[in-house]
Amino acid sequence: MKKLNPTFFVLLAVAFSFSCKKEISPDLEVTVVDNDNNPVRQVWVKTSAPGAVSGILDADVIDSTVTDNFGKAYFSYKNTRLLDLALYAGPNDVVIIDSASVLLEIKRKSPRSSNTFEKKLVFR
């Protein structure tokens, strides 16, 4: 039987280790709580791009949603994003209750893993 070169096995192992990892798009899970760390439902979380004064940079950057019964709001993006988050009591309110910034990045992971970023905002 022919003796196989060890370099062949090393190259084969490297090829399989990189081929299984894929780029996973980022998701954002925002949890809204009160001062006692209880979930707050039916409040609005809005996203925007930092420095976007006039015009929309990308349509999926400007978004808003209401929190569910567990105080959670969910957003999904296709690319890496730097976002500003703002918490409002209602959809037409202009007073920001809490705010934060978050960097969502595409990551190379196995296909079954998630790329979810979590952020907490406090309703005061």
PDB file of N, CA and C in Angstrom:
ATOM      1  N   MET A   1       0.839  -1.177   0.000  1.00  0.00           N
ATOM      2  CA  MET A   1       0.000   0.000   0.000  1.00  0.00           C
ATOM      3  C   MET A   1       0.881   1.236   0.000  1.00  0.00           C
ATOM      4  N   LYS A   2       0.456   2.203  -0.731  1.00  0.00           N
ATOM      5  CA  LYS A   2       1.227   3.420  -0.877  1.00  0.00           C
ATOM      6  C   LYS A   2       1.122   4.260   0.395  1.00  0.00           C
ATOM      7  N   LYS A   3       2.226   4.845   0.836  1.00  0.00           N
ATOM      8  CA  LYS A   3       2.245   5.674   2.033  1.00  0.00           C
ATOM      9  C   LYS A   3       1.796   7.098   1.657  1.00  0.00           C
ATOM     10  N   LEU A   4       0.803   7.607   2.380  1.00  0.00           N
ATOM     11  CA  LEU A   4       0.276   8.932   2.078  1.00  0.00           C
ATOM     12  C   LEU A   4       1.097   9.996   2.794  1.00  0.00           C
ATOM     13  N   ASN A   5       1.230  11.091   2.150  1.00  0.00           N
ATOM     14  CA  ASN A   5       2.005  12.205   2.664  1.00  0.00           C
ATOM     15  C   ASN A   5       1.230  12.900   3.798  1.00  0.00           C
ATOM     16  N   PRO A   6       1.862  13.184   4.950  1.00  0.00           N
ATOM     17  CA  PRO A   6       1.161  13.865   6.058  1.00  0.00           C
ATOM     18  C   PRO A   6       0.694  15.269   5.686  1.00  0.00           C
ATOM     19  N   THR A   7       1.368  15.903   4.756  1.00  0.00           N
ATOM     20  CA  THR A   7       0.953  17.239   4.320  1.00  0.00           C
ATOM     21  C   THR A   7      -0.427  17.186   3.677  1.00  0.00           C
ATOM     22  N   PHE A   8      -0.725  16.108   2.970  1.00  0.00           N
ATOM     23  CA  PHE A   8      -2.026  15.935   2.348  1.00  0.00           C
ATOM     24  C   PHE A   8      -3.130  15.940   3.401  1.00  0.00           C
ATOM     25  N   PHE A   9      -2.913  15.251   4.519  1.00  0.00           N
ATOM     26  CA  PHE A   9      -3.921  15.196   5.585  1.00  0.00           C
ATOM     27  C   PHE A   9      -4.102  16.551   6.260  1.00  0.00           C
ATOM     28  N   VAL A  10      -3.027  17.297   6.420  1.00  0.00           N
ATOM     29  CA  VAL A  10      -3.114  18.627   7.028  1.00  0.00           C
ATOM     30  C   VAL A  10      -3.925  19.555   6.129  1.00  0.00           C
ATOM     31  N   LEU A  11      -3.644  19.551   4.837  1.00  0.00           N
ATOM     32  CA  LEU A  11      -4.387  20.386   3.902  1.00  0.00           C
ATOM     33  C   LEU A  11      -5.863  19.993   3.842  1.00  0.00           C
ATOM     34  N   LEU A  12      -6.121  18.713   3.881  1.00  0.00           N
ATOM     35  CA  LEU A  12      -7.497  18.228   3.879  1.00  0.00           C
ATOM     36  C   LEU A  12      -8.247  18.676   5.136  1.00  0.00           C
ATOM     37  N   ALA A  13      -7.602  18.602   6.286  1.00  0.00           N
ATOM     38  CA  ALA A  13      -8.233  19.023   7.542  1.00  0.00           C
ATOM     39  C   ALA A  13      -8.502  20.525   7.545  1.00  0.00           C
ATOM     40  N   VAL A  14      -7.578  21.317   7.032  1.00  0.00           N
ATOM     41  CA  VAL A  14      -7.771  22.767   6.975  1.00  0.00           C
ATOM     42  C   VAL A  14      -8.918  23.111   6.035  1.00  0.00           C
ATOM     43  N   ALA A  15      -8.991  22.453   4.904  1.00  0.00           N
ATOM     44  CA  ALA A  15     -10.062  22.718   3.940  1.00  0.00           C
ATOM     45  C   ALA A  15     -11.436  22.419   4.530  1.00  0.00           C
ATOM     46  N   PHE A  16     -11.571  21.314   5.249  1.00  0.00           N
ATOM     47  CA  PHE A  16     -12.865  20.971   5.844  1.00  0.00           C
ATOM     48  C   PHE A  16     -13.223  21.893   7.001  1.00  0.00           C
ATOM     49  N   SER A  17     -12.243  22.364   7.751  1.00  0.00           N
ATOM     50  CA  SER A  17     -12.551  23.222   8.896  1.00  0.00           C
ATOM     51  C   SER A  17     -13.052  24.589   8.450  1.00  0.00           C
ATOM     52  N   PHE A  18     -12.570  25.101   7.322  1.00  0.00           N
ATOM     53  CA  PHE A  18     -13.025  26.399   6.849  1.00  0.00           C
ATOM     54  C   PHE A  18     -14.273  26.313   5.977  1.00  0.00           C
ATOM     55  N   SER A  19     -14.496  25.234   5.321  1.00  0.00           N
ATOM     56  CA  SER A  19     -15.624  25.144   4.409  1.00  0.00           C
ATOM     57  C   SER A  19     -16.955  25.009   5.135  1.00  0.00           C
ATOM     58  N   CYS A  20     -16.963  24.590   6.372  1.00  0.00           N
ATOM     59  CA  CYS A  20     -18.213  24.404   7.103  1.00  0.00           C
ATOM     60  C   CYS A  20     -18.723  25.688   7.740  1.00  0.00           C
ATOM     61  N   LYS A  21     -17.873  26.682   7.891  1.00  0.00           N
ATOM     62  CA  LYS A  21     -18.299  27.921   8.532  1.00  0.00           C
ATOM     63  C   LYS A  21     -18.851  28.873   7.486  1.00  0.00           C
ATOM     64  N   LYS A  22     -19.979  29.492   7.803  1.00  0.00           N
ATOM     65  CA  LYS A  22     -20.632  30.415   6.889  1.00  0.00           C
ATOM     66  C   LYS A  22     -20.817  31.753   7.596  1.00  0.00           C
ATOM     67  N   GLU A  23     -21.035  32.771   6.784  1.00  0.00           N
ATOM     68  CA  GLU A  23     -21.314  34.082   7.356  1.00  0.00           C
ATOM     69  C   GLU A  23     -22.761  34.119   7.826  1.00  0.00           C
ATOM     70  N   ILE A  24     -22.940  34.475   9.079  1.00  0.00           N
ATOM     71  CA  ILE A  24     -24.264  34.542   9.686  1.00  0.00           C
ATOM     72  C   ILE A  24     -24.634  36.020   9.863  1.00  0.00           C
ATOM     73  N   SER A  25     -25.779  36.421   9.329  1.00  0.00           N
ATOM     74  CA  SER A  25     -26.245  37.797   9.457  1.00  0.00           C
ATOM     75  C   SER A  25     -26.610  38.094  10.906  1.00  0.00           C
ATOM     76  N   PRO A  26     -26.438  39.355  11.325  1.00  0.00           N
ATOM     77  CA  PRO A  26     -26.724  39.690  12.729  1.00  0.00           C
ATOM     78  C   PRO A  26     -28.211  39.910  12.996  1.00  0.00           C
ATOM     79  N   ASP A  27     -28.635  39.503  14.169  1.00  0.00           N
ATOM     80  CA  ASP A  27     -29.970  39.775  14.694  1.00  0.00           C
ATOM     81  C   ASP A  27     -29.804  40.573  15.983  1.00  0.00           C
ATOM     82  N   LEU A  28     -30.799  41.354  16.309  1.00  0.00           N
ATOM     83  CA  LEU A  28     -30.773  42.162  17.523  1.00  0.00           C
ATOM     84  C   LEU A  28     -32.011  41.856  18.345  1.00  0.00           C
ATOM     85  N   GLU A  29     -31.796  41.550  19.621  1.00  0.00           N
ATOM     86  CA  GLU A  29     -32.896  41.331  20.568  1.00  0.00           C
ATOM     87  C   GLU A  29     -32.783  42.399  21.643  1.00  0.00           C
ATOM     88  N   VAL A  30     -33.768  43.286  21.698  1.00  0.00           N
ATOM     89  CA  VAL A  30     -33.790  44.367  22.682  1.00  0.00           C
ATOM     90  C   VAL A  30     -34.792  43.983  23.766  1.00  0.00           C
ATOM     91  N   THR A  31     -34.342  44.039  25.017  1.00  0.00           N
ATOM     92  CA  THR A  31     -35.213  43.770  26.158  1.00  0.00           C
ATOM     93  C   THR A  31     -35.455  45.075  26.898  1.00  0.00           C
ATOM     94  N   VAL A  32     -36.721  45.415  27.108  1.00  0.00           N
ATOM     95  CA  VAL A  32     -37.091  46.636  27.824  1.00  0.00           C
ATOM     96  C   VAL A  32     -37.604  46.232  29.197  1.00  0.00           C
ATOM     97  N   VAL A  33     -36.990  46.804  30.233  1.00  0.00           N
ATOM     98  CA  VAL A  33     -37.369  46.505  31.612  1.00  0.00           C
ATOM     99  C   VAL A  33     -37.601  47.805  32.370  1.00  0.00           C
ATOM    100  N   ASP A  34     -38.313  47.703  33.508  1.00  0.00           N
ATOM    101  CA  ASP A  34     -38.477  48.862  34.379  1.00  0.00           C
ATOM    102  C   ASP A  34     -37.343  48.883  35.400  1.00  0.00           C
ATOM    103  N   ASN A  35     -37.430  49.778  36.361  1.00  0.00           N
ATOM    104  CA  ASN A  35     -36.361  49.903  37.369  1.00  0.00           C
ATOM    105  C   ASN A  35     -36.209  48.656  38.230  1.00  0.00           C
ATOM    106  N   ASP A  36     -37.265  47.855  38.363  1.00  0.00           N
ATOM    107  CA  ASP A  36     -37.216  46.619  39.151  1.00  0.00           C
ATOM    108  C   ASP A  36     -36.876  45.401  38.303  1.00  0.00           C
ATOM    109  N   ASN A  37     -36.456  45.630  37.071  1.00  0.00           N
ATOM    110  CA  ASN A  37     -36.058  44.577  36.133  1.00  0.00           C
ATOM    111  C   ASN A  37     -37.232  43.706  35.675  1.00  0.00           C
ATOM    112  N   ASN A  38     -38.439  44.258  35.691  1.00  0.00           N
ATOM    113  CA  ASN A  38     -39.619  43.570  35.161  1.00  0.00           C
ATOM    114  C   ASN A  38     -39.804  43.974  33.710  1.00  0.00           C
ATOM    115  N   PRO A  39     -40.222  43.051  32.837  1.00  0.00           N
ATOM    116  CA  PRO A  39     -40.397  43.396  31.425  1.00  0.00           C
ATOM    117  C   PRO A  39     -41.516  44.422  31.218  1.00  0.00           C
ATOM    118  N   VAL A  40     -41.300  45.325  30.275  1.00  0.00           N
ATOM    119  CA  VAL A  40     -42.286  46.355  29.941  1.00  0.00           C
ATOM    120  C   VAL A  40     -42.800  46.067  28.539  1.00  0.00           C
ATOM    121  N   ARG A  41     -44.123  45.917  28.420  1.00  0.00           N
ATOM    122  CA  ARG A  41     -44.706  45.590  27.126  1.00  0.00           C
ATOM    123  C   ARG A  41     -45.368  46.819  26.522  1.00  0.00           C
ATOM    124  N   GLN A  42     -45.602  46.752  25.223  1.00  0.00           N
ATOM    125  CA  GLN A  42     -46.307  47.790  24.460  1.00  0.00           C
ATOM    126  C   GLN A  42     -45.606  49.154  24.497  1.00  0.00           C
ATOM    127  N   VAL A  43     -44.265  49.157  24.456  1.00  0.00           N
ATOM    128  CA  VAL A  43     -43.506  50.389  24.255  1.00  0.00           C
ATOM    129  C   VAL A  43     -42.737  50.245  22.947  1.00  0.00           C
ATOM    130  N   TRP A  44     -42.316  51.348  22.376  1.00  0.00           N
ATOM    131  CA  TRP A  44     -41.720  51.352  21.034  1.00  0.00           C
ATOM    132  C   TRP A  44     -40.204  51.471  21.086  1.00  0.00           C
ATOM    133  N   VAL A  45     -39.554  50.633  20.299  1.00  0.00           N
ATOM    134  CA  VAL A  45     -38.104  50.695  20.116  1.00  0.00           C
ATOM    135  C   VAL A  45     -37.861  51.074  18.663  1.00  0.00           C
ATOM    136  N   LYS A  46     -37.081  52.136  18.462  1.00  0.00           N
ATOM    137  CA  LYS A  46     -36.786  52.603  17.109  1.00  0.00           C
ATOM    138  C   LYS A  46     -35.279  52.548  16.878  1.00  0.00           C
ATOM    139  N   THR A  47     -34.902  52.199  15.650  1.00  0.00           N
ATOM    140  CA  THR A  47     -33.489  52.165  15.279  1.00  0.00           C
ATOM    141  C   THR A  47     -33.218  53.224  14.223  1.00  0.00           C
ATOM    142  N   SER A  48     -31.992  53.731  14.240  1.00  0.00           N
ATOM    143  CA  SER A  48     -31.551  54.673  13.219  1.00  0.00           C
ATOM    144  C   SER A  48     -30.031  54.591  13.121  1.00  0.00           C
ATOM    145  N   ALA A  49     -29.505  55.211  12.093  1.00  0.00           N
ATOM    146  CA  ALA A  49     -28.059  55.226  11.903  1.00  0.00           C
ATOM    147  C   ALA A  49     -27.486  56.477  12.551  1.00  0.00           C
ATOM    148  N   PRO A  50     -26.348  56.342  13.230  1.00  0.00           N
ATOM    149  CA  PRO A  50     -25.735  57.535  13.833  1.00  0.00           C
ATOM    150  C   PRO A  50     -25.360  58.553  12.760  1.00  0.00           C
ATOM    151  N   GLY A  51     -25.690  59.803  13.006  1.00  0.00           N
ATOM    152  CA  GLY A  51     -25.340  60.866  12.080  1.00  0.00           C
ATOM    153  C   GLY A  51     -26.254  61.000  10.882  1.00  0.00           C
ATOM    154  N   ALA A  52     -27.327  60.249  10.813  1.00  0.00           N
ATOM    155  CA  ALA A  52     -28.259  60.344   9.682  1.00  0.00           C
ATOM    156  C   ALA A  52     -29.255  61.464   9.960  1.00  0.00           C
ATOM    157  N   VAL A  53     -28.900  62.670   9.543  1.00  0.00           N
ATOM    158  CA  VAL A  53     -29.750  63.819   9.808  1.00  0.00           C
ATOM    159  C   VAL A  53     -30.807  63.976   8.725  1.00  0.00           C
ATOM    160  N   SER A  54     -30.393  63.850   7.483  1.00  0.00           N
ATOM    161  CA  SER A  54     -31.369  63.978   6.399  1.00  0.00           C
ATOM    162  C   SER A  54     -31.210  62.813   5.440  1.00  0.00           C
ATOM    163  N   GLY A  55     -32.326  62.252   5.033  1.00  0.00           N
ATOM    164  CA  GLY A  55     -32.289  61.123   4.114  1.00  0.00           C
ATOM    165  C   GLY A  55     -32.089  59.807   4.841  1.00  0.00           C
ATOM    166  N   ILE A  56     -32.381  58.737   4.140  1.00  0.00           N
ATOM    167  CA  ILE A  56     -32.227  57.393   4.686  1.00  0.00           C
ATOM    168  C   ILE A  56     -30.989  56.775   4.067  1.00  0.00           C
ATOM    169  N   LEU A  57     -30.070  56.297   4.908  1.00  0.00           N
ATOM    170  CA  LEU A  57     -28.856  55.674   4.401  1.00  0.00           C
ATOM    171  C   LEU A  57     -29.180  54.333   3.751  1.00  0.00           C
ATOM    172  N   ASP A  58     -29.849  53.477   4.471  1.00  0.00           N
ATOM    173  CA  ASP A  58     -30.337  52.193   3.983  1.00  0.00           C
ATOM    174  C   ASP A  58     -31.733  52.010   4.545  1.00  0.00           C
ATOM    175  N   ALA A  59     -32.611  51.462   3.757  1.00  0.00           N
ATOM    176  CA  ALA A  59     -34.004  51.334   4.179  1.00  0.00           C
ATOM    177  C   ALA A  59     -34.159  50.475   5.423  1.00  0.00           C
ATOM    178  N   ASP A  60     -33.320  49.433   5.594  1.00  0.00           N
ATOM    179  CA  ASP A  60     -33.507  48.553   6.753  1.00  0.00           C
ATOM    180  C   ASP A  60     -32.877  49.093   8.032  1.00  0.00           C
ATOM    181  N   VAL A  61     -32.183  50.226   7.971  1.00  0.00           N
ATOM    182  CA  VAL A  61     -31.589  50.804   9.175  1.00  0.00           C
ATOM    183  C   VAL A  61     -32.648  51.534   9.996  1.00  0.00           C
ATOM    184  N   ILE A  62     -33.547  52.219   9.325  1.00  0.00           N
ATOM    185  CA  ILE A  62     -34.598  52.957  10.013  1.00  0.00           C
ATOM    186  C   ILE A  62     -35.773  52.008  10.211  1.00  0.00           C
ATOM    187  N   ASP A  63     -36.020  51.630  11.454  1.00  0.00           N
ATOM    188  CA  ASP A  63     -37.064  50.651  11.728  1.00  0.00           C
ATOM    189  C   ASP A  63     -37.624  50.904  13.121  1.00  0.00           C
ATOM    190  N   SER A  64     -38.815  50.409  13.377  1.00  0.00           N
ATOM    191  CA  SER A  64     -39.406  50.516  14.709  1.00  0.00           C
ATOM    192  C   SER A  64     -40.341  49.337  14.928  1.00  0.00           C
ATOM    193  N   THR A  65     -40.499  48.982  16.187  1.00  0.00           N
ATOM    194  CA  THR A  65     -41.420  47.906  16.550  1.00  0.00           C
ATOM    195  C   THR A  65     -41.841  48.091  17.998  1.00  0.00           C
ATOM    196  N   VAL A  66     -42.928  47.442  18.342  1.00  0.00           N
ATOM    197  CA  VAL A  66     -43.448  47.488  19.705  1.00  0.00           C
ATOM    198  C   VAL A  66     -42.991  46.228  20.444  1.00  0.00           C
ATOM    199  N   THR A  67     -42.759  46.353  21.744  1.00  0.00           N
ATOM    200  CA  THR A  67     -42.316  45.191  22.519  1.00  0.00           C
ATOM    201  C   THR A  67     -43.473  44.227  22.756  1.00  0.00           C
ATOM    202  N   ASP A  68     -43.128  42.942  22.877  1.00  0.00           N
ATOM    203  CA  ASP A  68     -44.138  41.912  23.113  1.00  0.00           C
ATOM    204  C   ASP A  68     -44.433  41.805  24.612  1.00  0.00           C
ATOM    205  N   ASN A  69     -45.165  40.775  25.017  1.00  0.00           N
ATOM    206  CA  ASN A  69     -45.540  40.592  26.427  1.00  0.00           C
ATOM    207  C   ASN A  69     -44.344  40.323  27.338  1.00  0.00           C
ATOM    208  N   PHE A  70     -43.207  39.956  26.764  1.00  0.00           N
ATOM    209  CA  PHE A  70     -42.008  39.686  27.547  1.00  0.00           C
ATOM    210  C   PHE A  70     -41.029  40.859  27.506  1.00  0.00           C
ATOM    211  N   GLY A  71     -41.467  41.996  26.966  1.00  0.00           N
ATOM    212  CA  GLY A  71     -40.625  43.183  26.884  1.00  0.00           C
ATOM    213  C   GLY A  71     -39.550  43.091  25.825  1.00  0.00           C
ATOM    214  N   LYS A  72     -39.749  42.265  24.812  1.00  0.00           N
ATOM    215  CA  LYS A  72     -38.723  42.033  23.791  1.00  0.00           C
ATOM    216  C   LYS A  72     -39.132  42.631  22.450  1.00  0.00           C
ATOM    217  N   ALA A  73     -38.130  43.140  21.746  1.00  0.00           N
ATOM    218  CA  ALA A  73     -38.283  43.635  20.375  1.00  0.00           C
ATOM    219  C   ALA A  73     -37.162  43.013  19.550  1.00  0.00           C
ATOM    220  N   TYR A  74     -37.471  42.604  18.331  1.00  0.00           N
ATOM    221  CA  TYR A  74     -36.514  41.873  17.495  1.00  0.00           C
ATOM    222  C   TYR A  74     -36.282  42.604  16.174  1.00  0.00           C
ATOM    223  N   PHE A  75     -35.010  42.630  15.747  1.00  0.00           N
ATOM    224  CA  PHE A  75     -34.621  43.213  14.475  1.00  0.00           C
ATOM    225  C   PHE A  75     -33.632  42.269  13.803  1.00  0.00           C
ATOM    226  N   SER A  76     -33.662  42.210  12.468  1.00  0.00           N
ATOM    227  CA  SER A  76     -32.729  41.386  11.692  1.00  0.00           C
ATOM    228  C   SER A  76     -32.108  42.230  10.596  1.00  0.00           C
ATOM    229  N   TYR A  77     -30.836  41.991  10.338  1.00  0.00           N
ATOM    230  CA  TYR A  77     -30.106  42.747   9.316  1.00  0.00           C
ATOM    231  C   TYR A  77     -29.272  41.796   8.477  1.00  0.00           C
ATOM    232  N   LYS A  78     -28.972  42.204   7.246  1.00  0.00           N
ATOM    233  CA  LYS A  78     -28.196  41.369   6.342  1.00  0.00           C
ATOM    234  C   LYS A  78     -26.705  41.644   6.437  1.00  0.00           C
ATOM    235  N   ASN A  79     -26.330  42.851   6.842  1.00  0.00           N
ATOM    236  CA  ASN A  79     -24.933  43.252   6.870  1.00  0.00           C
ATOM    237  C   ASN A  79     -24.548  43.802   8.240  1.00  0.00           C
ATOM    238  N   THR A  80     -23.277  44.101   8.408  1.00  0.00           N
ATOM    239  CA  THR A  80     -22.785  44.744   9.617  1.00  0.00           C
ATOM    240  C   THR A  80     -23.398  46.136   9.713  1.00  0.00           C
ATOM    241  N   ARG A  81     -23.870  46.497  10.906  1.00  0.00           N
ATOM    242  CA  ARG A  81     -24.537  47.776  11.130  1.00  0.00           C
ATOM    243  C   ARG A  81     -24.113  48.392  12.453  1.00  0.00           C
ATOM    244  N   LEU A  82     -23.991  49.718  12.462  1.00  0.00           N
ATOM    245  CA  LEU A  82     -23.865  50.488  13.690  1.00  0.00           C
ATOM    246  C   LEU A  82     -25.184  51.225  13.849  1.00  0.00           C
ATOM    247  N   LEU A  83     -25.894  50.933  14.932  1.00  0.00           N
ATOM    248  CA  LEU A  83     -27.243  51.465  15.118  1.00  0.00           C
ATOM    249  C   LEU A  83     -27.368  52.265  16.398  1.00  0.00           C
ATOM    250  N   ASP A  84     -28.240  53.256  16.360  1.00  0.00           N
ATOM    251  CA  ASP A  84     -28.697  53.944  17.564  1.00  0.00           C
ATOM    252  C   ASP A  84     -30.075  53.391  17.890  1.00  0.00           C
ATOM    253  N   LEU A  85     -30.289  53.052  19.143  1.00  0.00           N
ATOM    254  CA  LEU A  85     -31.589  52.569  19.614  1.00  0.00           C
ATOM    255  C   LEU A  85     -32.228  53.657  20.467  1.00  0.00           C
ATOM    256  N   ALA A  86     -33.526  53.831  20.327  1.00  0.00           N
ATOM    257  CA  ALA A  86     -34.258  54.797  21.149  1.00  0.00           C
ATOM    258  C   ALA A  86     -35.540  54.134  21.635  1.00  0.00           C
ATOM    259  N   LEU A  87     -35.885  54.400  22.879  1.00  0.00           N
ATOM    260  CA  LEU A  87     -37.077  53.838  23.510  1.00  0.00           C
ATOM    261  C   LEU A  87     -38.102  54.947  23.695  1.00  0.00           C
ATOM    262  N   TYR A  88     -39.321  54.706  23.206  1.00  0.00           N
ATOM    263  CA  TYR A  88     -40.416  55.665  23.292  1.00  0.00           C
ATOM    264  C   TYR A  88     -41.621  54.991  23.939  1.00  0.00           C
ATOM    265  N   ALA A  89     -42.471  55.792  24.603  1.00  0.00           N
ATOM    266  CA  ALA A  89     -43.684  55.256  25.213  1.00  0.00           C
ATOM    267  C   ALA A  89     -44.732  54.908  24.167  1.00  0.00           C
ATOM    268  N   GLY A  90     -44.772  55.633  23.056  1.00  0.00           N
ATOM    269  CA  GLY A  90     -45.763  55.395  22.006  1.00  0.00           C
ATOM    270  C   GLY A  90     -45.159  55.616  20.629  1.00  0.00           C
ATOM    271  N   PRO A  91     -45.885  55.256  19.578  1.00  0.00           N
ATOM    272  CA  PRO A  91     -45.339  55.349  18.227  1.00  0.00           C
ATOM    273  C   PRO A  91     -45.106  56.780  17.742  1.00  0.00           C
ATOM    274  N   ASN A  92     -45.839  57.755  18.275  1.00  0.00           N
ATOM    275  CA  ASN A  92     -45.710  59.147  17.823  1.00  0.00           C
ATOM    276  C   ASN A  92     -45.036  60.044  18.848  1.00  0.00           C
ATOM    277  N   ASP A  93     -44.528  59.489  19.940  1.00  0.00           N
ATOM    278  CA  ASP A  93     -43.860  60.287  20.962  1.00  0.00           C
ATOM    279  C   ASP A  93     -42.520  60.798  20.447  1.00  0.00           C
ATOM    280  N   VAL A  94     -42.102  61.935  20.976  1.00  0.00           N
ATOM    281  CA  VAL A  94     -40.809  62.507  20.607  1.00  0.00           C
ATOM    282  C   VAL A  94     -39.826  62.501  21.771  1.00  0.00           C
ATOM    283  N   VAL A  95     -40.307  62.177  22.970  1.00  0.00           N
ATOM    284  CA  VAL A  95     -39.444  62.145  24.153  1.00  0.00           C
ATOM    285  C   VAL A  95     -38.796  60.772  24.251  1.00  0.00           C
ATOM    286  N   ILE A  96     -37.464  60.758  24.201  1.00  0.00           N
ATOM    287  CA  ILE A  96     -36.721  59.500  24.308  1.00  0.00           C
ATOM    288  C   ILE A  96     -36.582  59.133  25.780  1.00  0.00           C
ATOM    289  N   ILE A  97     -37.023  57.935  26.139  1.00  0.00           N
ATOM    290  CA  ILE A  97     -36.960  57.466  27.520  1.00  0.00           C
ATOM    291  C   ILE A  97     -35.583  56.883  27.831  1.00  0.00           C
ATOM    292  N   ASP A  98     -35.031  56.113  26.921  1.00  0.00           N
ATOM    293  CA  ASP A  98     -33.691  55.535  27.068  1.00  0.00           C
ATOM    294  C   ASP A  98     -33.120  55.342  25.668  1.00  0.00           C
ATOM    295  N   SER A  99     -31.802  55.315  25.583  1.00  0.00           N
ATOM    296  CA  SER A  99     -31.169  55.125  24.279  1.00  0.00           C
ATOM    297  C   SER A  99     -29.841  54.403  24.452  1.00  0.00           C
ATOM    298  N   ALA A 100     -29.364  53.841  23.360  1.00  0.00           N
ATOM    299  CA  ALA A 100     -28.089  53.130  23.359  1.00  0.00           C
ATOM    300  C   ALA A 100     -27.614  52.996  21.917  1.00  0.00           C
ATOM    301  N   SER A 101     -26.354  52.646  21.756  1.00  0.00           N
ATOM    302  CA  SER A 101     -25.792  52.333  20.442  1.00  0.00           C
ATOM    303  C   SER A 101     -25.300  50.900  20.465  1.00  0.00           C
ATOM    304  N   VAL A 102     -25.349  50.249  19.320  1.00  0.00           N
ATOM    305  CA  VAL A 102     -24.919  48.859  19.246  1.00  0.00           C
ATOM    306  C   VAL A 102     -24.291  48.612  17.878  1.00  0.00           C
ATOM    307  N   LEU A 103     -23.213  47.831  17.867  1.00  0.00           N
ATOM    308  CA  LEU A 103     -22.555  47.421  16.637  1.00  0.00           C
ATOM    309  C   LEU A 103     -22.898  45.963  16.379  1.00  0.00           C
ATOM    310  N   LEU A 104     -23.584  45.706  15.274  1.00  0.00           N
ATOM    311  CA  LEU A 104     -23.957  44.353  14.884  1.00  0.00           C
ATOM    312  C   LEU A 104     -23.023  43.927  13.757  1.00  0.00           C
ATOM    313  N   GLU A 105     -22.354  42.805  13.919  1.00  0.00           N
ATOM    314  CA  GLU A 105     -21.380  42.361  12.937  1.00  0.00           C
ATOM    315  C   GLU A 105     -21.728  40.992  12.372  1.00  0.00           C
ATOM    316  N   ILE A 106     -21.437  40.811  11.092  1.00  0.00           N
ATOM    317  CA  ILE A 106     -21.523  39.496  10.474  1.00  0.00           C
ATOM    318  C   ILE A 106     -20.389  38.654  11.043  1.00  0.00           C
ATOM    319  N   LYS A 107     -20.672  37.407  11.373  1.00  0.00           N
ATOM    320  CA  LYS A 107     -19.640  36.528  11.919  1.00  0.00           C
ATOM    321  C   LYS A 107     -19.608  35.231  11.145  1.00  0.00           C
ATOM    322  N   ARG A 108     -18.453  34.628  11.120  1.00  0.00           N
ATOM    323  CA  ARG A 108     -18.295  33.311  10.500  1.00  0.00           C
ATOM    324  C   ARG A 108     -18.513  32.265  11.576  1.00  0.00           C
ATOM    325  N   LYS A 109     -19.579  31.507  11.426  1.00  0.00           N
ATOM    326  CA  LYS A 109     -19.925  30.478  12.396  1.00  0.00           C
ATOM    327  C   LYS A 109     -20.470  29.268  11.660  1.00  0.00           C
ATOM    328  N   SER A 110     -20.668  28.223  12.404  1.00  0.00           N
ATOM    329  CA  SER A 110     -21.291  27.050  11.796  1.00  0.00           C
ATOM    330  C   SER A 110     -22.754  27.390  11.485  1.00  0.00           C
ATOM    331  N   PRO A 111     -23.335  26.752  10.485  1.00  0.00           N
ATOM    332  CA  PRO A 111     -24.688  27.122  10.039  1.00  0.00           C
ATOM    333  C   PRO A 111     -25.770  27.008  11.105  1.00  0.00           C
ATOM    334  N   ARG A 112     -25.603  26.196  12.088  1.00  0.00           N
ATOM    335  CA  ARG A 112     -26.654  26.021  13.103  1.00  0.00           C
ATOM    336  C   ARG A 112     -26.537  27.005  14.259  1.00  0.00           C
ATOM    337  N   SER A 113     -25.474  27.771  14.325  1.00  0.00           N
ATOM    338  CA  SER A 113     -25.322  28.724  15.422  1.00  0.00           C
ATOM    339  C   SER A 113     -26.007  30.039  15.066  1.00  0.00           C
ATOM    340  N   SER A 114     -26.245  30.842  16.077  1.00  0.00           N
ATOM    341  CA  SER A 114     -26.922  32.116  15.845  1.00  0.00           C
ATOM    342  C   SER A 114     -25.930  33.264  16.012  1.00  0.00           C
ATOM    343  N   ASN A 115     -26.334  34.410  15.543  1.00  0.00           N
ATOM    344  CA  ASN A 115     -25.530  35.620  15.657  1.00  0.00           C
ATOM    345  C   ASN A 115     -26.435  36.713  16.212  1.00  0.00           C
ATOM    346  N   THR A 116     -26.930  36.478  17.422  1.00  0.00           N
ATOM    347  CA  THR A 116     -27.885  37.386  18.044  1.00  0.00           C
ATOM    348  C   THR A 116     -27.191  38.250  19.088  1.00  0.00           C
ATOM    349  N   PHE A 117     -27.371  39.555  18.950  1.00  0.00           N
ATOM    350  CA  PHE A 117     -26.852  40.505  19.926  1.00  0.00           C
ATOM    351  C   PHE A 117     -28.001  40.909  20.831  1.00  0.00           C
ATOM    352  N   GLU A 118     -27.719  41.024  22.118  1.00  0.00           N
ATOM    353  CA  GLU A 118     -28.758  41.405  23.085  1.00  0.00           C
ATOM    354  C   GLU A 118     -28.416  42.744  23.694  1.00  0.00           C
ATOM    355  N   LYS A 119     -29.439  43.586  23.843  1.00  0.00           N
ATOM    356  CA  LYS A 119     -29.278  44.907  24.446  1.00  0.00           C
ATOM    357  C   LYS A 119     -30.460  45.153  25.365  1.00  0.00           C
ATOM    358  N   LYS A 120     -30.210  45.793  26.509  1.00  0.00           N
ATOM    359  CA  LYS A 120     -31.272  46.083  27.484  1.00  0.00           C
ATOM    360  C   LYS A 120     -31.472  47.589  27.560  1.00  0.00           C
ATOM    361  N   LEU A 121     -32.734  48.006  27.510  1.00  0.00           N
ATOM    362  CA  LEU A 121     -33.108  49.394  27.723  1.00  0.00           C
ATOM    363  C   LEU A 121     -34.014  49.476  28.937  1.00  0.00           C
ATOM    364  N   VAL A 122     -33.937  50.583  29.683  1.00  0.00           N
ATOM    365  CA  VAL A 122     -34.704  50.727  30.916  1.00  0.00           C
ATOM    366  C   VAL A 122     -35.776  51.797  30.721  1.00  0.00           C
ATOM    367  N   PHE A 123     -37.021  51.416  31.002  1.00  0.00           N
ATOM    368  CA  PHE A 123     -38.167  52.303  30.942  1.00  0.00           C
ATOM    369  C   PHE A 123     -38.325  52.975  32.300  1.00  0.00           C
ATOM    370  N   ARG A 124     -38.036  54.269  32.386  1.00  0.00           N
ATOM    371  CA  ARG A 124     -38.076  54.991  33.687  1.00  0.00           C
ATOM    372  C   ARG A 124     -39.253  55.912  33.761  1.00  0.00           C
TER     373      ARG A 124
END
